PDB file of N, CA and C in Angstrom:
ATOM      1  N   MET A   1      -5.178  22.169  36.361  1.00  0.00           N
ATOM      2  CA  MET A   1      -4.206  22.228  35.288  1.00  0.00           C
ATOM      3  C   MET A   1      -4.033  20.840  34.691  1.00  0.00           C
ATOM      4  N   PRO A   2      -3.795  20.787  33.393  1.00  0.00           N
ATOM      5  CA  PRO A   2      -3.603  19.482  32.776  1.00  0.00           C
ATOM      6  C   PRO A   2      -2.349  18.803  33.298  1.00  0.00           C
ATOM      7  N   ARG A   3      -2.435  17.488  33.466  1.00  0.00           N
ATOM      8  CA  ARG A   3      -1.311  16.663  33.868  1.00  0.00           C
ATOM      9  C   ARG A   3      -0.829  16.935  35.285  1.00  0.00           C
ATOM     10  N   VAL A   4      -1.629  17.658  36.080  1.00  0.00           N
ATOM     11  CA  VAL A   4      -1.256  17.941  37.464  1.00  0.00           C
ATOM     12  C   VAL A   4      -2.342  17.396  38.380  1.00  0.00           C
ATOM     13  N   GLY A   5      -2.017  16.374  39.117  1.00  0.00           N
ATOM     14  CA  GLY A   5      -2.938  15.815  40.095  1.00  0.00           C
ATOM     15  C   GLY A   5      -2.636  16.391  41.473  1.00  0.00           C
ATOM     16  N   ALA A   6      -3.226  15.787  42.480  1.00  0.00           N
ATOM     17  CA  ALA A   6      -3.085  16.277  43.851  1.00  0.00           C
ATOM     18  C   ALA A   6      -1.629  16.238  44.334  1.00  0.00           C
ATOM     19  N   GLU A   7      -0.915  15.153  44.019  1.00  0.00           N
ATOM     20  CA  GLU A   7       0.475  15.031  44.481  1.00  0.00           C
ATOM     21  C   GLU A   7       1.384  16.072  43.831  1.00  0.00           C
ATOM     22  N   ARG A   8       1.266  16.229  42.537  1.00  0.00           N
ATOM     23  CA  ARG A   8       2.092  17.226  41.847  1.00  0.00           C
ATOM     24  C   ARG A   8       1.727  18.635  42.296  1.00  0.00           C
ATOM     25  N   ALA A   9       0.442  18.880  42.473  1.00  0.00           N
ATOM     26  CA  ALA A   9       0.000  20.195  42.936  1.00  0.00           C
ATOM     27  C   ALA A   9       0.598  20.504  44.311  1.00  0.00           C
ATOM     28  N   ALA A  10       0.605  19.518  45.191  1.00  0.00           N
ATOM     29  CA  ALA A  10       1.180  19.718  46.526  1.00  0.00           C
ATOM     30  C   ALA A  10       2.676  20.026  46.423  1.00  0.00           C
ATOM     31  N   ARG A  11       3.387  19.312  45.538  1.00  0.00           N
ATOM     32  CA  ARG A  11       4.827  19.563  45.360  1.00  0.00           C
ATOM     33  C   ARG A  11       5.080  20.964  44.802  1.00  0.00           C
ATOM     34  N   LEU A  12       4.232  21.368  43.849  1.00  0.00           N
ATOM     35  CA  LEU A  12       4.368  22.708  43.281  1.00  0.00           C
ATOM     36  C   LEU A  12       4.144  23.780  44.345  1.00  0.00           C
ATOM     37  N   LEU A  13       3.112  23.599  45.138  1.00  0.00           N
ATOM     38  CA  LEU A  13       2.836  24.576  46.192  1.00  0.00           C
ATOM     39  C   LEU A  13       3.924  24.569  47.258  1.00  0.00           C
ATOM     40  N   ASP A  14       4.457  23.398  47.555  1.00  0.00           N
ATOM     41  CA  ASP A  14       5.576  23.302  48.497  1.00  0.00           C
ATOM     42  C   ASP A  14       6.771  24.104  48.004  1.00  0.00           C
ATOM     43  N   ARG A  15       7.086  23.944  46.740  1.00  0.00           N
ATOM     44  CA  ARG A  15       8.262  24.595  46.152  1.00  0.00           C
ATOM     45  C   ARG A  15       8.074  26.095  45.982  1.00  0.00           C
ATOM     46  N   PHE A  16       6.880  26.505  45.511  1.00  0.00           N
ATOM     47  CA  PHE A  16       6.671  27.907  45.164  1.00  0.00           C
ATOM     48  C   PHE A  16       5.916  28.713  46.215  1.00  0.00           C
ATOM     49  N   GLY A  17       5.180  28.048  47.086  1.00  0.00           N
ATOM     50  CA  GLY A  17       4.522  28.750  48.187  1.00  0.00           C
ATOM     51  C   GLY A  17       3.123  29.258  47.919  1.00  0.00           C
ATOM     52  N   SER A  18       2.769  29.451  46.652  1.00  0.00           N
ATOM     53  CA  SER A  18       1.420  29.932  46.325  1.00  0.00           C
ATOM     54  C   SER A  18       1.076  29.572  44.886  1.00  0.00           C
ATOM     55  N   VAL A  19      -0.204  29.588  44.595  1.00  0.00           N
ATOM     56  CA  VAL A  19      -0.658  29.333  43.220  1.00  0.00           C
ATOM     57  C   VAL A  19      -0.125  30.429  42.298  1.00  0.00           C
ATOM     58  N   GLU A  20      -0.143  31.656  42.759  1.00  0.00           N
ATOM     59  CA  GLU A  20       0.355  32.764  41.941  1.00  0.00           C
ATOM     60  C   GLU A  20       1.824  32.554  41.555  1.00  0.00           C
ATOM     61  N   ALA A  21       2.634  32.085  42.491  1.00  0.00           N
ATOM     62  CA  ALA A  21       4.046  31.835  42.198  1.00  0.00           C
ATOM     63  C   ALA A  21       4.210  30.696  41.199  1.00  0.00           C
ATOM     64  N   VAL A  22       3.362  29.678  41.293  1.00  0.00           N
ATOM     65  CA  VAL A  22       3.399  28.581  40.320  1.00  0.00           C
ATOM     66  C   VAL A  22       3.079  29.122  38.941  1.00  0.00           C
ATOM     67  N   ILE A  23       2.067  29.953  38.850  1.00  0.00           N
ATOM     68  CA  ILE A  23       1.650  30.526  37.567  1.00  0.00           C
ATOM     69  C   ILE A  23       2.746  31.390  36.958  1.00  0.00           C
ATOM     70  N   ARG A  24       3.498  32.080  37.786  1.00  0.00           N
ATOM     71  CA  ARG A  24       4.565  32.960  37.296  1.00  0.00           C
ATOM     72  C   ARG A  24       5.857  32.211  36.958  1.00  0.00           C
ATOM     73  N   ALA A  25       5.977  30.975  37.417  1.00  0.00           N
ATOM     74  CA  ALA A  25       7.206  30.202  37.197  1.00  0.00           C
ATOM     75  C   ALA A  25       7.381  29.855  35.722  1.00  0.00           C
ATOM     76  N   GLY A  26       8.614  29.835  35.285  1.00  0.00           N
ATOM     77  CA  GLY A  26       8.935  29.450  33.919  1.00  0.00           C
ATOM     78  C   GLY A  26       9.134  27.945  33.813  1.00  0.00           C
ATOM     79  N   ASP A  27       9.300  27.479  32.593  1.00  0.00           N
ATOM     80  CA  ASP A  27       9.510  26.052  32.333  1.00  0.00           C
ATOM     81  C   ASP A  27      10.648  25.475  33.176  1.00  0.00           C
ATOM     82  N   ALA A  28      11.790  26.154  33.171  1.00  0.00           N
ATOM     83  CA  ALA A  28      12.966  25.640  33.878  1.00  0.00           C
ATOM     84  C   ALA A  28      12.688  25.494  35.373  1.00  0.00           C
ATOM     85  N   GLU A  29      12.027  26.474  35.957  1.00  0.00           N
ATOM     86  CA  GLU A  29      11.706  26.401  37.389  1.00  0.00           C
ATOM     87  C   GLU A  29      10.709  25.284  37.682  1.00  0.00           C
ATOM     88  N   LEU A  30       9.713  25.150  36.826  1.00  0.00           N
ATOM     89  CA  LEU A  30       8.713  24.098  37.018  1.00  0.00           C
ATOM     90  C   LEU A  30       9.358  22.720  36.958  1.00  0.00           C
ATOM     91  N   LYS A  31      10.295  22.533  36.034  1.00  0.00           N
ATOM     92  CA  LYS A  31      10.942  21.235  35.867  1.00  0.00           C
ATOM     93  C   LYS A  31      11.844  20.867  37.041  1.00  0.00           C
ATOM     94  N   GLU A  32      12.163  21.809  37.907  1.00  0.00           N
ATOM     95  CA  GLU A  32      12.949  21.527  39.107  1.00  0.00           C
ATOM     96  C   GLU A  32      12.133  20.759  40.152  1.00  0.00           C
ATOM     97  N   VAL A  33      10.816  20.767  39.995  1.00  0.00           N
ATOM     98  CA  VAL A  33       9.926  20.084  40.941  1.00  0.00           C
ATOM     99  C   VAL A  33       9.834  18.609  40.569  1.00  0.00           C
ATOM    100  N   ASP A  34      10.003  17.747  41.556  1.00  0.00           N
ATOM    101  CA  ASP A  34       9.917  16.301  41.342  1.00  0.00           C
ATOM    102  C   ASP A  34       8.583  15.943  40.694  1.00  0.00           C
ATOM    103  N   GLY A  35       8.627  15.219  39.583  1.00  0.00           N
ATOM    104  CA  GLY A  35       7.416  14.786  38.890  1.00  0.00           C
ATOM    105  C   GLY A  35       6.938  15.735  37.813  1.00  0.00           C
ATOM    106  N   ILE A  36       7.623  16.871  37.640  1.00  0.00           N
ATOM    107  CA  ILE A  36       7.263  17.817  36.587  1.00  0.00           C
ATOM    108  C   ILE A  36       8.342  17.750  35.511  1.00  0.00           C
ATOM    109  N   GLY A  37       8.003  17.119  34.410  1.00  0.00           N
ATOM    110  CA  GLY A  37       8.934  17.009  33.290  1.00  0.00           C
ATOM    111  C   GLY A  37       8.642  18.075  32.252  1.00  0.00           C
ATOM    112  N   PRO A  38       9.336  18.005  31.126  1.00  0.00           N
ATOM    113  CA  PRO A  38       9.169  19.009  30.077  1.00  0.00           C
ATOM    114  C   PRO A  38       7.735  19.118  29.556  1.00  0.00           C
ATOM    115  N   ARG A  39       7.089  17.985  29.352  1.00  0.00           N
ATOM    116  CA  ARG A  39       5.717  18.009  28.809  1.00  0.00           C
ATOM    117  C   ARG A  39       4.746  18.630  29.803  1.00  0.00           C
ATOM    118  N   THR A  40       4.846  18.261  31.057  1.00  0.00           N
ATOM    119  CA  THR A  40       3.949  18.814  32.079  1.00  0.00           C
ATOM    120  C   THR A  40       4.214  20.302  32.263  1.00  0.00           C
ATOM    121  N   ALA A  41       5.472  20.694  32.271  1.00  0.00           N
ATOM    122  CA  ALA A  41       5.815  22.114  32.401  1.00  0.00           C
ATOM    123  C   ALA A  41       5.218  22.915  31.243  1.00  0.00           C
ATOM    124  N   ARG A  42       5.343  22.379  30.003  1.00  0.00           N
ATOM    125  CA  ARG A  42       4.762  23.058  28.828  1.00  0.00           C
ATOM    126  C   ARG A  42       3.255  23.193  28.973  1.00  0.00           C
ATOM    127  N   CYS A  43       2.601  22.137  29.458  1.00  0.00           N
ATOM    128  CA  CYS A  43       1.146  22.169  29.613  1.00  0.00           C
ATOM    129  C   CYS A  43       0.718  23.184  30.670  1.00  0.00           C
ATOM    130  N   ILE A  44       1.473  23.262  31.743  1.00  0.00           N
ATOM    131  CA  ILE A  44       1.164  24.260  32.777  1.00  0.00           C
ATOM    132  C   ILE A  44       1.301  25.660  32.197  1.00  0.00           C
ATOM    133  N   ARG A  45       2.410  25.926  31.518  1.00  0.00           N
ATOM    134  CA  ARG A  45       2.627  27.249  30.925  1.00  0.00           C
ATOM    135  C   ARG A  45       1.541  27.561  29.899  1.00  0.00           C
ATOM    136  N   TRP A  46       1.183  26.580  29.076  1.00  0.00           N
ATOM    137  CA  TRP A  46       0.145  26.787  28.065  1.00  0.00           C
ATOM    138  C   TRP A  46      -1.175  27.146  28.733  1.00  0.00           C
ATOM    139  N   THR A  47      -1.498  26.460  29.817  1.00  0.00           N
ATOM    140  CA  THR A  47      -2.758  26.692  30.519  1.00  0.00           C
ATOM    141  C   THR A  47      -2.856  28.115  31.034  1.00  0.00           C
ATOM    142  N   VAL A  48      -1.792  28.620  31.612  1.00  0.00           N
ATOM    143  CA  VAL A  48      -1.869  29.953  32.211  1.00  0.00           C
ATOM    144  C   VAL A  48      -1.662  31.073  31.198  1.00  0.00           C
ATOM    145  N   GLU A  49      -1.096  30.746  30.043  1.00  0.00           N
ATOM    146  CA  GLU A  49      -0.862  31.769  29.023  1.00  0.00           C
ATOM    147  C   GLU A  49      -1.976  31.860  27.992  1.00  0.00           C
ATOM    148  N   GLU A  50      -2.661  30.773  27.751  1.00  0.00           N
ATOM    149  CA  GLU A  50      -3.662  30.689  26.689  1.00  0.00           C
ATOM    150  C   GLU A  50      -4.986  31.307  27.128  1.00  0.00           C
ATOM    151  N   ARG A  51      -5.534  32.158  26.292  1.00  0.00           N
ATOM    152  CA  ARG A  51      -6.878  32.671  26.522  1.00  0.00           C
ATOM    153  C   ARG A  51      -7.810  31.913  25.592  1.00  0.00           C
ATOM    154  N   ALA A  52      -8.442  30.889  26.140  1.00  0.00           N
ATOM    155  CA  ALA A  52      -9.286  30.036  25.317  1.00  0.00           C
ATOM    156  C   ALA A  52     -10.555  29.679  26.069  1.00  0.00           C
ATOM    157  N   SER A  53     -11.457  29.031  25.365  1.00  0.00           N
ATOM    158  CA  SER A  53     -12.678  28.561  25.990  1.00  0.00           C
ATOM    159  C   SER A  53     -12.327  27.483  27.019  1.00  0.00           C
ATOM    160  N   PRO A  54     -13.248  27.149  27.925  1.00  0.00           N
ATOM    161  CA  PRO A  54     -12.944  26.181  28.977  1.00  0.00           C
ATOM    162  C   PRO A  54     -12.562  24.790  28.472  1.00  0.00           C
ATOM    163  N   TYR A  55     -12.994  24.409  27.286  1.00  0.00           N
ATOM    164  CA  TYR A  55     -12.697  23.070  26.778  1.00  0.00           C
ATOM    165  C   TYR A  55     -11.967  23.181  25.453  1.00  0.00           C
ATOM    166  N   VAL A  56     -10.669  22.935  25.493  1.00  0.00           N
ATOM    167  CA  VAL A  56      -9.819  23.097  24.325  1.00  0.00           C
ATOM    168  C   VAL A  56      -8.909  21.880  24.217  1.00  0.00           C
ATOM    169  N   VAL A  57      -8.678  21.453  23.000  1.00  0.00           N
ATOM    170  CA  VAL A  57      -7.708  20.388  22.773  1.00  0.00           C
ATOM    171  C   VAL A  57      -6.522  21.015  22.057  1.00  0.00           C
ATOM    172  N   ASN A  58      -5.351  20.878  22.644  1.00  0.00           N
ATOM    173  CA  ASN A  58      -4.128  21.369  22.031  1.00  0.00           C
ATOM    174  C   ASN A  58      -3.284  20.143  21.717  1.00  0.00           C
ATOM    175  N   ALA A  59      -3.576  19.505  20.618  1.00  0.00           N
ATOM    176  CA  ALA A  59      -2.935  18.245  20.259  1.00  0.00           C
ATOM    177  C   ALA A  59      -1.434  18.389  20.040  1.00  0.00           C
ATOM    178  N   ASP A  60      -1.001  19.552  19.580  1.00  0.00           N
ATOM    179  CA  ASP A  60       0.422  19.758  19.334  1.00  0.00           C
ATOM    180  C   ASP A  60       1.250  19.580  20.608  1.00  0.00           C
ATOM    181  N   ARG A  61       0.684  19.953  21.728  1.00  0.00           N
ATOM    182  CA  ARG A  61       1.414  19.868  22.985  1.00  0.00           C
ATOM    183  C   ARG A  61       0.934  18.713  23.854  1.00  0.00           C
ATOM    184  N   GLY A  62      -0.058  17.989  23.384  1.00  0.00           N
ATOM    185  CA  GLY A  62      -0.555  16.862  24.158  1.00  0.00           C
ATOM    186  C   GLY A  62      -1.372  17.275  25.352  1.00  0.00           C
ATOM    187  N   CYS A  63      -1.947  18.477  25.321  1.00  0.00           N
ATOM    188  CA  CYS A  63      -2.706  18.989  26.455  1.00  0.00           C
ATOM    189  C   CYS A  63      -4.198  18.977  26.127  1.00  0.00           C
ATOM    190  N   VAL A  64      -4.971  18.482  27.033  1.00  0.00           N
ATOM    191  CA  VAL A  64      -6.420  18.548  26.900  1.00  0.00           C
ATOM    192  C   VAL A  64      -6.950  19.162  28.175  1.00  0.00           C
ATOM    193  N   VAL A  65      -7.658  20.254  28.026  1.00  0.00           N
ATOM    194  CA  VAL A  65      -8.235  20.925  29.204  1.00  0.00           C
ATOM    195  C   VAL A  65      -9.698  21.174  28.989  1.00  0.00           C
TER     196      VAL A  65
END
């Protein structure tokens, strides 16, 4: 996921318990995790909601995947 490294991923999994739970979490829930701010939460949500090719630039949200 964009803007999520190993440390943030570990915190997300700690908080939610599974990748599926992270994917289902909303912006507000994601932002409760230390190191996940509004921009990162938006990028996570965009990643799991967007049906796009593997390499997409979403400049409006500052996400590059």
